[in-house]
N, C-alpha and C. Protein backbone atom coordinates (compact mmCIF):
# COMPACT_ATOMS: atom_id res chain seq x y z
N MET A 1 175.61 106.91 112.37
CA MET A 1 173.87 107.51 112.58
C MET A 1 172.93 106.43 111.77
N PRO A 2 172.44 105.84 112.75
CA PRO A 2 171.44 104.80 112.11
C PRO A 2 170.05 105.49 111.22
N ARG A 3 170.24 104.21 110.36
CA ARG A 3 169.38 104.99 109.07
C ARG A 3 167.87 103.91 109.11
N TRP A 4 167.11 104.61 109.11
CA TRP A 4 165.66 103.78 109.41
C TRP A 4 165.56 102.88 107.42
N PRO A 5 165.21 101.93 107.48
CA PRO A 5 165.36 101.07 106.18
C PRO A 5 164.36 101.50 105.20
N ASP A 6 165.29 101.73 103.98
CA ASP A 6 164.20 102.13 102.63
C ASP A 6 163.77 101.33 102.02
N ARG A 7 162.33 101.19 102.01
CA ARG A 7 161.90 100.22 101.27
C ARG A 7 162.09 100.05 99.76
N GLY A 8 163.02 98.55 99.27
CA GLY A 8 163.29 98.39 98.01
C GLY A 8 164.60 99.09 97.60
N ARG A 9 165.28 99.36 98.67
CA ARG A 9 166.35 100.34 97.90
C ARG A 9 167.55 98.94 97.76
N THR A 10 167.62 98.31 96.64
CA THR A 10 168.18 96.97 96.18
C THR A 10 169.44 97.14 95.02
N GLY A 11 169.30 98.47 94.26
CA GLY A 11 170.31 98.27 92.93
C GLY A 11 171.42 99.59 93.79
N SER A 12 172.12 99.72 92.51
CA SER A 12 173.50 100.35 92.99
C SER A 12 173.98 101.27 91.88
N ARG A 13 173.32 100.80 91.11
CA ARG A 13 173.88 101.69 89.35
C ARG A 13 173.21 103.15 89.18
N PRO A 14 173.84 104.09 89.14
CA PRO A 14 173.36 105.48 89.10
C PRO A 14 173.41 105.53 87.63
N ARG A 15 172.16 105.93 87.07
CA ARG A 15 171.66 106.60 85.37
C ARG A 15 171.25 107.84 85.61
N PRO A 16 172.14 108.69 85.50
CA PRO A 16 172.10 109.95 85.53
C PRO A 16 170.96 110.43 84.36
N ASP A 17 170.12 111.46 84.51
CA ASP A 17 169.30 111.66 83.41
C ASP A 17 169.63 112.68 82.47
N THR A 18 169.29 112.52 81.27
CA THR A 18 169.91 113.61 80.38
C THR A 18 169.11 114.98 80.30
N GLY A 19 168.41 115.73 81.04
CA GLY A 19 167.59 116.90 81.12
C GLY A 19 166.89 117.10 80.19
N ARG A 20 166.52 116.07 79.30
CA ARG A 20 165.60 116.37 77.93
C ARG A 20 164.06 116.21 78.64
N ARG A 21 163.21 117.49 77.72
CA ARG A 21 162.12 117.26 78.34
C ARG A 21 161.12 116.02 77.81
N ARG A 22 160.51 115.54 78.60
CA ARG A 22 159.48 114.37 78.83
C ARG A 22 158.08 114.68 78.87
N ALA A 23 157.36 113.90 78.38
CA ALA A 23 155.78 114.19 78.95
C ALA A 23 155.69 113.55 80.16
N ARG A 24 156.75 112.55 80.49
CA ARG A 24 156.09 111.77 82.29
C ARG A 24 157.61 110.74 82.27
N LEU A 25 157.59 110.43 83.52
CA LEU A 25 158.49 109.63 84.03
C LEU A 25 157.96 108.53 84.41
N ASP A 26 158.62 107.46 84.02
CA ASP A 26 158.20 106.02 84.60
C ASP A 26 159.03 105.38 84.90
N ARG A 27 159.23 105.03 86.29
CA ARG A 27 160.62 103.87 87.24
C ARG A 27 159.46 102.50 87.29
N GLN A 28 159.83 101.55 86.49
CA GLN A 28 159.17 100.63 86.47
C GLN A 28 160.07 99.69 85.78
N GLY A 29 160.12 98.26 86.48
CA GLY A 29 160.53 97.23 85.55
C GLY A 29 161.98 96.75 86.06
N TRP A 30 162.72 97.93 86.24
CA TRP A 30 164.25 97.78 86.99
C TRP A 30 164.52 98.11 87.92
N SER A 31 165.08 97.29 88.88
CA SER A 31 165.52 97.81 90.40
C SER A 31 166.81 98.45 90.44
N GLY A 32 167.44 99.05 89.71
CA GLY A 32 168.71 99.88 89.67
C GLY A 32 168.29 101.45 90.29
N ASP A 33 168.73 102.16 90.38
CA ASP A 33 168.77 103.87 90.65
C ASP A 33 168.65 104.50 89.49
N GLN A 34 168.11 105.40 89.72
CA GLN A 34 167.60 106.49 88.55
C GLN A 34 168.23 107.90 89.57
N ILE A 35 169.04 108.23 88.73
CA ILE A 35 169.30 109.73 89.43
C ILE A 35 169.26 111.13 88.31
N LEU A 36 168.39 112.01 88.81
CA LEU A 36 168.09 113.08 88.33
C LEU A 36 168.82 113.99 88.64
N THR A 37 169.58 114.72 87.62
CA THR A 37 170.38 115.72 87.91
C THR A 37 170.38 117.19 87.56
N GLY A 38 169.44 116.90 86.62
CA GLY A 38 168.84 118.43 85.53
C GLY A 38 167.97 118.58 86.47
N ASP A 39 167.37 120.04 85.38
CA ASP A 39 165.84 120.70 86.13
C ASP A 39 164.59 119.78 85.46
N ASN A 40 164.87 119.32 85.01
CA ASN A 40 163.67 118.14 84.06
C ASN A 40 162.49 119.38 84.17
N PRO A 41 162.07 119.77 82.83
CA PRO A 41 160.74 120.63 82.89
C PRO A 41 159.67 119.94 82.64
N TYR A 42 159.80 118.81 82.30
CA TYR A 42 158.39 118.03 81.94
C TYR A 42 157.31 118.21 82.91
N ALA A 43 156.05 118.37 82.21
CA ALA A 43 154.58 118.72 83.20
C ALA A 43 154.28 117.39 83.41
N GLY A 44 154.29 116.47 82.80
CA GLY A 44 153.54 115.41 83.22
C GLY A 44 153.78 114.62 84.51
N THR A 45 153.26 113.54 84.68
CA THR A 45 153.15 112.80 86.07
C THR A 45 154.66 111.93 86.47
N THR A 46 155.14 111.61 87.58
CA THR A 46 156.24 110.91 87.93
C THR A 46 155.76 109.74 88.79
N THR A 47 155.99 108.19 88.08
CA THR A 47 155.40 107.36 88.48
C THR A 47 156.72 106.54 88.80
N ILE A 48 156.85 105.77 90.29
CA ILE A 48 157.99 105.10 90.48
C ILE A 48 157.47 103.93 91.53
N ASN A 49 157.35 102.41 90.42
CA ASN A 49 157.09 101.65 90.82
C ASN A 49 157.92 100.40 91.40
N ASP A 50 159.76 100.65 91.02
CA ASP A 50 160.53 99.80 91.19
C ASP A 50 161.52 100.50 91.31
N GLY A 51 162.51 99.87 92.28
CA GLY A 51 164.20 100.61 92.66
C GLY A 51 163.56 101.98 93.11
N ILE A 52 164.84 103.04 92.95
CA ILE A 52 164.82 104.21 93.49
C ILE A 52 164.83 105.49 92.89
N LEU A 53 164.21 106.07 92.88
CA LEU A 53 164.74 107.81 92.13
C LEU A 53 165.08 108.56 92.72
N GLN A 54 166.00 109.03 92.69
CA GLN A 54 167.32 109.78 92.96
C GLN A 54 167.03 111.04 92.91
N ILE A 55 166.71 111.99 93.54
CA ILE A 55 166.64 113.48 92.78
C ILE A 55 168.21 114.54 93.43
N GLY A 56 168.83 114.55 92.58
CA GLY A 56 170.05 115.39 92.98
C GLY A 56 170.92 114.61 93.32
N ASP A 57 172.49 114.75 93.47
CA ASP A 57 173.56 113.85 93.45
C ASP A 57 174.59 114.62 94.60
N GLY A 58 173.99 115.40 95.77
CA GLY A 58 174.60 115.98 96.57
C GLY A 58 175.09 117.66 96.39
N GLY A 59 174.48 117.93 95.10
CA GLY A 59 175.09 119.07 94.76
C GLY A 59 174.08 120.00 95.01
N ALA A 60 173.56 120.95 93.99
CA ALA A 60 172.69 122.25 93.71
C ALA A 60 171.69 122.08 92.58
N THR A 61 171.92 120.97 91.88
CA THR A 61 170.95 120.80 91.10
C THR A 61 170.19 119.33 91.06
N GLY A 62 169.48 119.29 90.32
CA GLY A 62 168.07 118.19 90.32
C GLY A 62 166.93 118.30 90.62
N LYS A 63 165.96 118.19 90.08
CA LYS A 63 164.39 118.52 90.23
C LYS A 63 163.81 117.73 89.69
N LEU A 64 162.50 117.30 90.02
CA LEU A 64 161.36 116.50 89.65
C LEU A 64 160.46 117.42 88.43
N GLY A 65 160.13 116.80 87.39
CA GLY A 65 159.06 117.51 87.21
C GLY A 65 157.71 118.17 87.84
N THR A 66 156.98 118.95 86.92
CA THR A 66 155.81 119.47 87.57
C THR A 66 154.61 118.77 88.46
N GLY A 67 154.44 117.62 87.53
CA GLY A 67 153.41 116.96 87.84
C GLY A 67 153.37 116.03 89.16
N ALA A 68 152.19 115.35 89.47
CA ALA A 68 152.07 114.85 90.61
C ALA A 68 153.02 113.81 90.70
N VAL A 69 153.50 113.20 92.00
CA VAL A 69 153.97 111.79 91.83
C VAL A 69 153.14 110.98 92.44
N THR A 70 153.33 109.70 91.79
CA THR A 70 153.10 108.66 92.31
C THR A 70 154.31 107.66 92.77
N ASP A 71 154.23 107.39 94.13
CA ASP A 71 155.80 106.93 94.72
C ASP A 71 155.32 105.41 95.16
N ASN A 72 155.24 104.31 94.74
CA ASN A 72 155.44 102.98 94.81
C ASN A 72 156.42 102.40 95.26
N ALA A 73 157.69 102.59 95.64
CA ALA A 73 159.07 102.39 95.92
C ALA A 73 159.90 103.33 96.85
N LEU A 74 160.78 104.03 96.21
CA LEU A 74 161.56 104.74 97.25
C LEU A 74 161.99 106.07 96.43
N LEU A 75 161.42 107.25 96.80
CA LEU A 75 161.87 108.81 96.16
C LEU A 75 163.07 108.86 97.27
N VAL A 76 164.21 109.21 96.55
CA VAL A 76 165.28 109.84 97.75
C VAL A 76 165.61 111.50 97.47
N PHE A 77 165.58 112.56 97.91
CA PHE A 77 166.44 113.71 97.53
C PHE A 77 167.65 113.42 98.50
N ASN A 78 168.85 114.38 97.17
CA ASN A 78 170.21 114.09 97.81
C ASN A 78 170.22 115.45 97.41
N ARG A 79 170.09 116.70 97.98
CA ARG A 79 170.73 117.67 97.35
C ARG A 79 171.56 118.65 98.71
N GLY A 80 172.44 119.39 97.99
CA GLY A 80 173.13 119.78 99.42
C GLY A 80 172.67 121.46 99.41
N ASP A 81 171.42 121.75 99.04
CA ASP A 81 171.27 123.02 99.14
C ASP A 81 169.52 123.24 99.71
N ASN A 82 168.95 124.59 99.71
CA ASN A 82 167.51 124.51 99.42
C ASN A 82 166.72 123.96 98.85
N LEU A 83 165.85 123.07 98.65
CA LEU A 83 164.72 122.53 97.51
C LEU A 83 163.34 122.73 98.09
N ASP A 84 162.81 123.23 97.42
CA ASP A 84 161.60 123.58 97.26
C ASP A 84 160.30 122.43 96.41
N VAL A 85 159.73 121.41 97.25
CA VAL A 85 158.92 120.53 96.42
C VAL A 85 157.48 120.83 96.03
N PRO A 86 156.74 120.98 95.54
CA PRO A 86 155.22 121.58 95.75
C PRO A 86 154.36 120.24 95.16
N ASN A 87 155.03 119.76 94.50
CA ASN A 87 154.20 118.44 93.66
C ASN A 87 153.33 117.60 94.77
N ALA A 88 152.29 116.81 94.41
CA ALA A 88 151.69 116.04 95.39
C ALA A 88 152.13 114.91 95.29
N ILE A 89 152.52 114.09 96.72
CA ILE A 89 153.41 112.88 96.53
C ILE A 89 152.57 112.10 97.06
N SER A 90 151.66 110.61 96.38
CA SER A 90 150.88 109.62 96.86
C SER A 90 151.66 108.78 96.58
N GLY A 91 151.05 107.26 97.48
CA GLY A 91 151.81 106.08 96.87
C GLY A 91 151.48 105.10 98.11
N THR A 92 152.28 103.96 97.89
CA THR A 92 152.90 103.16 98.65
C THR A 92 153.76 102.64 99.43
N GLY A 93 155.00 103.99 98.93
CA GLY A 93 156.28 104.03 98.92
C GLY A 93 157.15 104.83 100.10
N THR A 94 158.14 104.87 99.94
CA THR A 94 158.71 105.67 100.85
C THR A 94 159.89 107.52 100.31
N VAL A 95 159.43 108.17 101.06
CA VAL A 95 160.30 109.31 100.68
C VAL A 95 161.49 109.88 101.75
N THR A 96 162.30 109.85 101.29
CA THR A 96 163.91 110.08 102.00
C THR A 96 164.21 111.63 102.01
N ASN A 97 164.61 112.12 103.01
CA ASN A 97 165.52 113.08 102.53
C ASN A 97 167.28 112.62 103.01
N ASP A 98 168.26 112.44 102.09
CA ASP A 98 169.15 111.87 102.38
C ASP A 98 170.18 113.05 101.76
N GLY A 99 170.27 114.52 101.82
CA GLY A 99 171.11 115.32 101.33
C GLY A 99 172.39 115.70 102.31
N ASP A 100 172.94 116.60 102.04
CA ASP A 100 174.08 117.05 102.83
C ASP A 100 173.45 117.71 103.87
N THR A 101 174.23 117.50 105.29
CA THR A 101 173.62 117.89 106.54
C THR A 101 172.84 119.60 106.31
N SER A 102 173.56 120.03 105.54
CA SER A 102 173.03 121.79 105.39
C SER A 102 171.94 121.89 104.43
N ASN A 103 171.47 120.58 103.82
CA ASN A 103 170.25 121.17 102.88
C ASN A 103 168.65 121.36 103.72
N VAL A 104 168.10 121.92 103.07
CA VAL A 104 166.71 122.39 103.59
C VAL A 104 165.69 121.75 102.52
N LEU A 105 164.86 120.74 102.53
CA LEU A 105 164.30 120.11 101.62
C LEU A 105 163.14 120.47 102.26
N THR A 106 161.93 120.84 101.45
CA THR A 106 160.88 121.72 101.87
C THR A 106 159.82 120.73 101.16
N LEU A 107 158.63 119.93 101.67
CA LEU A 107 157.73 119.07 101.15
C LEU A 107 156.18 120.06 100.99
N SER A 108 156.13 120.57 100.08
CA SER A 108 154.92 121.93 100.09
C SER A 108 153.36 121.08 99.86
N GLY A 109 153.65 120.02 98.89
CA GLY A 109 152.41 119.54 98.48
C GLY A 109 151.75 118.89 99.18
N VAL A 110 150.52 118.10 98.69
CA VAL A 110 149.76 117.06 99.32
C VAL A 110 150.78 115.86 99.57
N GLN A 111 150.79 115.48 101.23
CA GLN A 111 151.70 114.32 101.32
C GLN A 111 150.91 112.89 101.64
N ASP A 112 150.97 111.83 100.76
CA ASP A 112 149.79 110.62 101.21
C ASP A 112 150.95 109.42 100.90
N TYR A 113 151.51 108.94 101.27
CA TYR A 113 152.31 107.52 101.33
C TYR A 113 152.96 107.31 102.53
N ALA A 114 153.50 106.14 102.51
CA ALA A 114 153.38 105.51 103.41
C ALA A 114 154.56 105.59 104.65
N ILE A 115 155.75 105.83 104.17
CA ILE A 115 156.86 106.64 105.03
C ILE A 115 157.51 107.57 104.91
N LEU A 116 158.10 108.63 105.29
CA LEU A 116 158.52 109.63 105.38
C LEU A 116 160.02 109.65 106.02
N ASN A 117 161.47 109.38 105.84
CA ASN A 117 162.11 109.30 106.38
C ASN A 117 163.12 110.66 106.36
N ALA A 118 163.32 111.70 107.70
CA ALA A 118 163.95 113.06 107.95
C ALA A 118 165.66 112.18 108.09
N ASN A 119 166.63 112.06 107.40
CA ASN A 119 167.71 111.24 107.78
C ASN A 119 168.83 112.54 107.77
N SER A 120 168.75 113.62 107.36
CA SER A 120 169.49 114.49 107.15
C SER A 120 169.02 116.07 106.89
N GLY A 121 170.05 116.68 107.06
CA GLY A 121 169.94 118.10 107.06
C GLY A 121 168.28 118.68 107.69
N THR A 122 167.33 119.86 107.31
CA THR A 122 166.43 119.95 107.43
C THR A 122 165.26 119.35 106.52
N THR A 123 163.94 118.84 107.04
CA THR A 123 163.24 118.38 106.39
C THR A 123 161.74 119.50 107.06
N ASN A 124 161.28 120.17 106.01
CA ASN A 124 159.96 120.79 106.17
C ASN A 124 159.01 120.60 105.52
N VAL A 125 157.97 120.17 106.13
CA VAL A 125 156.22 119.76 105.70
C VAL A 125 155.67 120.89 105.98
N THR A 126 155.23 121.32 104.94
CA THR A 126 154.31 122.49 104.69
C THR A 126 152.96 122.15 104.20
N GLY A 127 152.96 120.49 103.44
CA GLY A 127 151.81 119.95 102.93
C GLY A 127 150.93 119.22 104.03
N SER A 128 150.20 118.81 104.00
CA SER A 128 149.55 118.02 104.87
C SER A 128 149.27 116.81 104.80
N PHE A 129 149.82 115.33 105.64
CA PHE A 129 149.69 114.23 105.73
C PHE A 129 147.57 114.37 106.34
N THR A 130 147.20 113.72 105.80
CA THR A 130 145.61 113.64 105.95
C THR A 130 144.91 112.18 105.89
N ALA A 131 145.72 111.47 105.77
CA ALA A 131 145.33 109.74 105.69
C ALA A 131 145.34 109.34 107.00
N GLY A 132 146.13 109.72 107.80
CA GLY A 132 146.23 109.01 109.19
C GLY A 132 147.28 107.51 109.14
N THR A 133 147.89 107.38 107.88
CA THR A 133 148.39 105.76 108.07
C THR A 133 150.07 105.74 107.87
N ALA A 134 150.26 107.10 107.52
CA ALA A 134 152.00 107.67 107.28
C ALA A 134 152.67 107.33 108.89
N THR A 135 154.10 106.51 108.77
CA THR A 135 154.61 106.55 109.40
C THR A 135 156.27 107.47 109.19
N VAL A 136 156.39 108.49 110.16
CA VAL A 136 157.54 109.42 110.20
C VAL A 136 158.57 109.14 110.90
N ASN A 137 160.04 108.94 110.02
CA ASN A 137 160.94 108.57 111.26
C ASN A 137 162.17 109.52 111.16
N VAL A 138 162.47 110.29 112.22
CA VAL A 138 163.17 111.67 112.39
C VAL A 138 164.76 111.15 113.01
N GLU A 139 165.86 111.16 112.11
CA GLU A 139 166.81 111.29 112.97
C GLU A 139 167.68 112.90 112.48
N ALA A 140 167.32 114.04 111.82
CA ALA A 140 167.54 114.87 111.88
C ALA A 140 167.19 116.13 112.32
N THR A 141 166.09 116.82 111.53
CA THR A 141 165.38 117.78 111.83
C THR A 141 164.14 118.09 111.20
N LEU A 142 163.05 117.75 111.73
CA LEU A 142 162.13 117.63 110.80
C LEU A 142 161.13 118.77 111.13
N ASN A 143 160.35 119.49 110.88
CA ASN A 143 159.59 120.90 111.00
C ASN A 143 158.24 120.46 110.20
N PHE A 144 157.46 120.40 110.86
CA PHE A 144 155.73 120.30 110.38
C PHE A 144 155.29 121.59 110.59
N GLY A 145 154.79 122.36 109.25
CA GLY A 145 154.30 123.81 109.11
C GLY A 145 152.58 123.65 108.68
N ALA A 146 152.17 122.51 108.98
CA ALA A 146 150.88 122.48 108.39
C ALA A 146 150.20 121.12 109.58
N ASP A 147 148.97 121.46 109.67
CA ASP A 147 148.27 120.34 110.49
C ASP A 147 148.37 119.02 109.93
N GLU A 148 148.73 118.29 110.81
CA GLU A 148 149.31 116.68 110.23
C GLU A 148 148.38 115.67 110.84
N THR A 149 148.12 114.80 110.14
CA THR A 149 147.25 113.48 111.18
C THR A 149 148.37 111.98 110.27
N ILE A 150 149.01 111.40 111.39
CA ILE A 150 150.18 110.66 110.86
C ILE A 150 149.66 109.38 112.01
N ASP A 151 149.83 108.42 111.52
CA ASP A 151 149.73 106.74 112.22
C ASP A 151 151.46 106.55 113.64
N THR A 152 152.76 107.17 112.77
CA THR A 152 153.39 106.76 113.90
C THR A 152 154.43 107.56 113.58
N LEU A 153 155.16 108.09 114.80
CA LEU A 153 156.32 109.23 114.88
C LEU A 153 157.47 108.62 115.57
N ASN A 154 158.79 108.24 114.59
CA ASN A 154 159.72 107.57 115.38
C ASN A 154 160.74 108.82 115.49
N ILE A 155 161.09 109.49 116.80
CA ILE A 155 162.34 110.29 116.78
C ILE A 155 163.54 109.35 117.20
N GLY A 156 164.55 109.72 116.68
CA GLY A 156 166.32 109.16 116.93
C GLY A 156 166.64 109.89 117.97
N ALA A 157 167.80 109.36 118.38
CA ALA A 157 168.62 110.05 119.34
C ALA A 157 168.98 111.59 118.82
N ASP A 158 169.15 111.86 117.44
CA ASP A 158 169.77 113.09 117.26
C ASP A 158 168.36 113.84 115.95
N GLY A 159 167.29 113.35 116.54
CA GLY A 159 166.15 113.93 116.05
C GLY A 159 165.38 115.05 116.82
N VAL A 160 164.90 116.14 115.83
CA VAL A 160 164.30 117.44 116.67
C VAL A 160 163.16 116.99 115.53
N VAL A 161 161.83 117.57 116.48
CA VAL A 161 160.67 117.47 115.56
C VAL A 161 159.89 119.03 116.04
N THR A 162 159.67 119.79 115.51
CA THR A 162 159.16 121.06 115.55
C THR A 162 157.46 121.47 114.94
N LEU A 163 156.53 121.88 115.52
CA LEU A 163 155.28 122.23 115.00
C LEU A 163 154.97 123.85 114.57
N GLY A 164 154.80 124.03 113.38
CA GLY A 164 154.87 125.83 112.61
C GLY A 164 156.01 126.30 113.34
N VAL A 165 157.11 125.91 113.30
CA VAL A 165 158.57 126.38 112.68
C VAL A 165 158.92 125.92 111.68
N ILE A 166 159.32 126.90 110.91
CA ILE A 166 160.09 126.42 109.52
C ILE A 166 161.42 126.82 109.56
N ALA A 167 161.81 126.40 108.94
CA ALA A 167 163.67 126.92 108.57
C ALA A 167 163.92 128.47 108.26
N PRO A 168 164.65 128.76 109.10
CA PRO A 168 165.96 128.20 109.98
C PRO A 168 165.50 126.89 110.96
N ALA A 169 166.00 126.22 110.98
CA ALA A 169 165.65 125.43 111.61
C ALA A 169 166.22 125.27 113.15
N PRO A 170 165.83 124.78 114.30
CA PRO A 170 166.03 125.02 115.52
C PRO A 170 167.10 124.11 116.03
N LEU A 171 167.74 124.76 116.91
CA LEU A 171 169.22 124.41 116.90
C LEU A 171 168.98 122.51 117.80
N ALA A 172 169.66 121.79 117.55
CA ALA A 172 169.50 120.57 117.87
C ALA A 172 170.04 120.59 119.55
N PRO A 173 169.88 119.49 120.65
CA PRO A 173 170.05 119.46 121.64
C PRO A 173 171.72 119.49 121.90
N THR A 174 172.35 120.30 122.85
CA THR A 174 173.81 120.09 122.40
C THR A 174 174.51 119.55 123.11
N ASP A 175 173.51 118.24 123.73
CA ASP A 175 174.53 117.25 124.55
C ASP A 175 174.54 116.08 123.51
N GLY A 176 173.56 115.78 122.71
CA GLY A 176 173.35 114.67 121.81
C GLY A 176 172.55 113.57 122.63
N ASN A 177 172.19 113.68 123.89
CA ASN A 177 171.76 112.80 124.59
C ASN A 177 169.86 113.00 124.69
N GLU A 178 169.56 113.89 123.75
CA GLU A 178 167.91 113.84 124.01
C GLU A 178 166.81 113.91 122.60
N ALA A 179 166.61 113.40 122.54
CA ALA A 179 165.53 113.46 121.06
C ALA A 179 163.92 114.40 121.56
N SER A 180 163.72 115.40 120.87
CA SER A 180 162.77 116.55 121.09
C SER A 180 161.49 116.56 120.10
N ALA A 181 160.36 116.79 120.67
CA ALA A 181 159.06 117.12 119.56
C ALA A 181 158.50 118.35 120.54
N GLN A 182 158.71 119.19 119.81
CA GLN A 182 158.60 120.53 120.23
C GLN A 182 157.43 121.38 119.39
N PRO A 183 156.78 121.95 120.32
CA PRO A 183 155.46 122.92 119.78
C PRO A 183 155.67 124.02 119.51
N GLY A 184 156.19 124.65 118.55
CA GLY A 184 156.77 125.99 118.01
C GLY A 184 158.12 125.82 119.13
N ASN A 185 157.82 127.16 119.96
CA ASN A 185 159.67 127.02 120.94
C ASN A 185 158.98 126.53 122.46
N SER A 186 158.63 125.62 122.58
CA SER A 186 157.92 125.57 124.21
C SER A 186 158.97 124.45 124.20
N SER A 187 159.08 123.90 125.61
CA SER A 187 159.80 122.95 126.32
C SER A 187 159.79 121.70 125.31
N PRO A 188 160.85 121.06 125.43
CA PRO A 188 161.11 120.11 124.49
C PRO A 188 160.95 118.41 125.22
N LEU A 189 159.68 117.44 124.78
CA LEU A 189 159.87 116.39 125.00
C LEU A 189 160.73 115.56 124.71
N ALA A 190 161.64 114.97 125.90
CA ALA A 190 163.02 114.59 125.85
C ALA A 190 163.09 113.04 126.51
N SER A 191 163.86 112.47 125.88
CA SER A 191 164.18 111.05 126.20
C SER A 191 165.67 110.85 126.61
N ASP A 192 166.30 110.02 128.06
CA ASP A 192 167.23 109.73 128.04
C ASP A 192 167.29 108.16 127.97
N SER A 193 166.36 107.43 127.76
CA SER A 193 166.37 106.06 127.47
C SER A 193 165.13 105.77 126.58
N ASP A 194 165.18 104.50 125.90
CA ASP A 194 164.31 104.09 125.02
C ASP A 194 162.65 103.95 125.87
N MET A 195 161.87 104.79 125.14
CA MET A 195 160.62 104.55 125.81
C MET A 195 159.32 104.82 124.40
N SER A 196 158.24 104.38 124.48
CA SER A 196 157.49 104.35 123.42
C SER A 196 156.08 104.81 124.30
N GLN A 197 155.05 105.47 123.85
CA GLN A 197 154.15 105.93 124.15
C GLN A 197 153.03 105.71 123.28
N SER A 198 152.04 104.59 123.18
CA SER A 198 151.03 104.40 122.17
C SER A 198 149.48 105.12 122.48
N GLY A 199 149.45 105.80 121.43
CA GLY A 199 147.64 106.28 121.23
C GLY A 199 147.76 107.92 121.55
N ALA A 200 149.05 108.14 121.50
CA ALA A 200 148.58 109.91 122.38
C ALA A 200 149.42 110.73 121.43
N PRO A 201 148.35 111.93 121.33
CA PRO A 201 148.84 112.89 120.40
C PRO A 201 150.02 114.00 120.84
N VAL A 202 150.55 114.59 120.18
CA VAL A 202 151.21 115.36 120.76
C VAL A 202 150.68 116.60 120.45
N VAL A 203 150.26 117.39 121.22
CA VAL A 203 149.49 118.66 121.80
C VAL A 203 150.06 119.84 121.55
N PRO A 204 150.07 120.84 120.89
CA PRO A 204 150.76 122.02 120.47
C PRO A 204 149.96 123.36 121.54
N GLU A 205 150.88 123.98 121.81
CA GLU A 205 150.23 125.38 122.59
C GLU A 205 149.30 125.96 121.66
N PRO A 206 147.94 126.39 122.33
CA PRO A 206 147.27 127.29 121.62
C PRO A 206 147.60 127.83 120.54
N GLY A 207 147.09 128.00 119.17
CA GLY A 207 147.45 128.60 118.01
C GLY A 207 147.96 128.10 117.18
N ALA A 208 148.89 127.10 117.87
CA ALA A 208 150.07 126.57 116.90
C ALA A 208 149.70 125.32 116.39
N MET A 209 150.35 124.77 115.22
CA MET A 209 149.78 123.97 114.40
C MET A 209 149.63 122.21 115.46
N SER A 210 148.95 121.78 114.95
CA SER A 210 148.50 120.22 115.38
C SER A 210 148.98 119.27 114.56
N LEU A 211 149.47 117.94 115.63
CA LEU A 211 149.84 116.97 115.09
C LEU A 211 149.40 115.72 115.72
N LEU A 212 148.51 114.99 115.09
CA LEU A 212 147.57 114.16 115.72
C LEU A 212 148.08 112.59 115.43
N LEU A 213 148.57 112.07 116.28
CA LEU A 213 148.98 110.48 116.30
C LEU A 213 147.98 109.69 116.43
N LEU A 214 147.66 108.56 115.45
CA LEU A 214 146.92 107.76 115.71
C LEU A 214 147.38 106.22 115.84
N GLY A 215 148.73 106.18 116.12
CA GLY A 215 149.21 105.02 116.71
C GLY A 215 150.29 105.22 117.78
N MET A 216 151.76 105.21 117.18
CA MET A 216 152.79 104.98 118.30
C MET A 216 153.59 106.23 118.29
N LEU A 217 154.12 106.75 119.56
CA LEU A 217 155.24 107.93 119.48
C LEU A 217 156.45 106.86 120.17
N SER A 218 157.68 107.26 119.21
CA SER A 218 158.92 106.50 119.81
C SER A 218 159.85 107.25 120.08
N LEU A 219 160.68 107.48 121.36
CA LEU A 219 161.86 108.26 121.42
C LEU A 219 162.52 107.19 121.70
N PHE A 220 164.11 107.48 120.73
CA PHE A 220 165.10 106.94 121.04
C PHE A 220 166.48 107.62 121.70
N GLY A 221 166.46 107.81 122.90
CA GLY A 221 167.75 108.60 123.25
C GLY A 221 168.92 107.72 123.84
N ARG A 222 169.85 108.25 123.90
CA ARG A 222 171.00 107.94 124.30
C ARG A 222 171.12 107.57 125.91
N ARG A 223 171.41 106.63 126.31
CA ARG A 223 171.67 106.34 127.88
C ARG A 223 172.72 107.48 128.42
N PRO A 224 172.34 107.91 129.31
CA PRO A 224 173.53 108.77 129.66
C PRO A 224 174.58 107.91 130.66
N SER A 225 175.68 108.03 130.30
CA SER A 225 176.94 107.45 131.08
C SER A 225 177.19 107.80 132.23
N ARG A 226 177.52 106.68 133.15
CA ARG A 226 177.55 106.92 134.74
C ARG A 226 178.98 106.40 134.85
N ALA A 227 179.50 107.58 135.74
CA ALA A 227 180.79 107.23 136.49
C ALA A 227 180.96 105.77 137.20
N ARG A 228 181.82 105.17 137.62
CA ARG A 228 181.79 104.23 138.37
C ARG A 228 183.07 104.16 139.12
């Protein structure tokens, strides 16, 4: 499965957290990875200016503190279960769901950063993107549960996007040849070959959530094989 590029992902040395209470957490001046595997009940802010801050290590533990998050590098969620993240997340960086295929990540705080990668499992966004500058890359399942204004939406061959439908996630296309953007349970927007459409909003059914694209919509589907 292809991965959308992760900004600043250069280090490889994990540093599990100790689970101790801290006033705040700053990731700055070191290009490696920091992995938080404890519940981390600190109430202060979390700031990521360099490297990678990873939440969880594929299991059922690992959380941010309760304060706002400034993400100017890379924030990765790698959980194998369900995780609700109510934190407001802002900055110039990237947020990636890279957990187990069965994980459900819910981002319920205000979302205001550069890139969201839904690489694995199910990602629910119930907090709004409002700045209209974000790029959203989908290789798994992404559910928008609030009105969103973003710049670019890229849907991979295995990607599924829904509006107003929150986990349990909708079924992905069974033949693996289509990528879909679905308002509620309406007919999918499908692609059998690479194509893009500039400046076009995805319009939901009346009463559903709205997704306004200010830039590019790209669909990357597999070309169907032809018998020779």
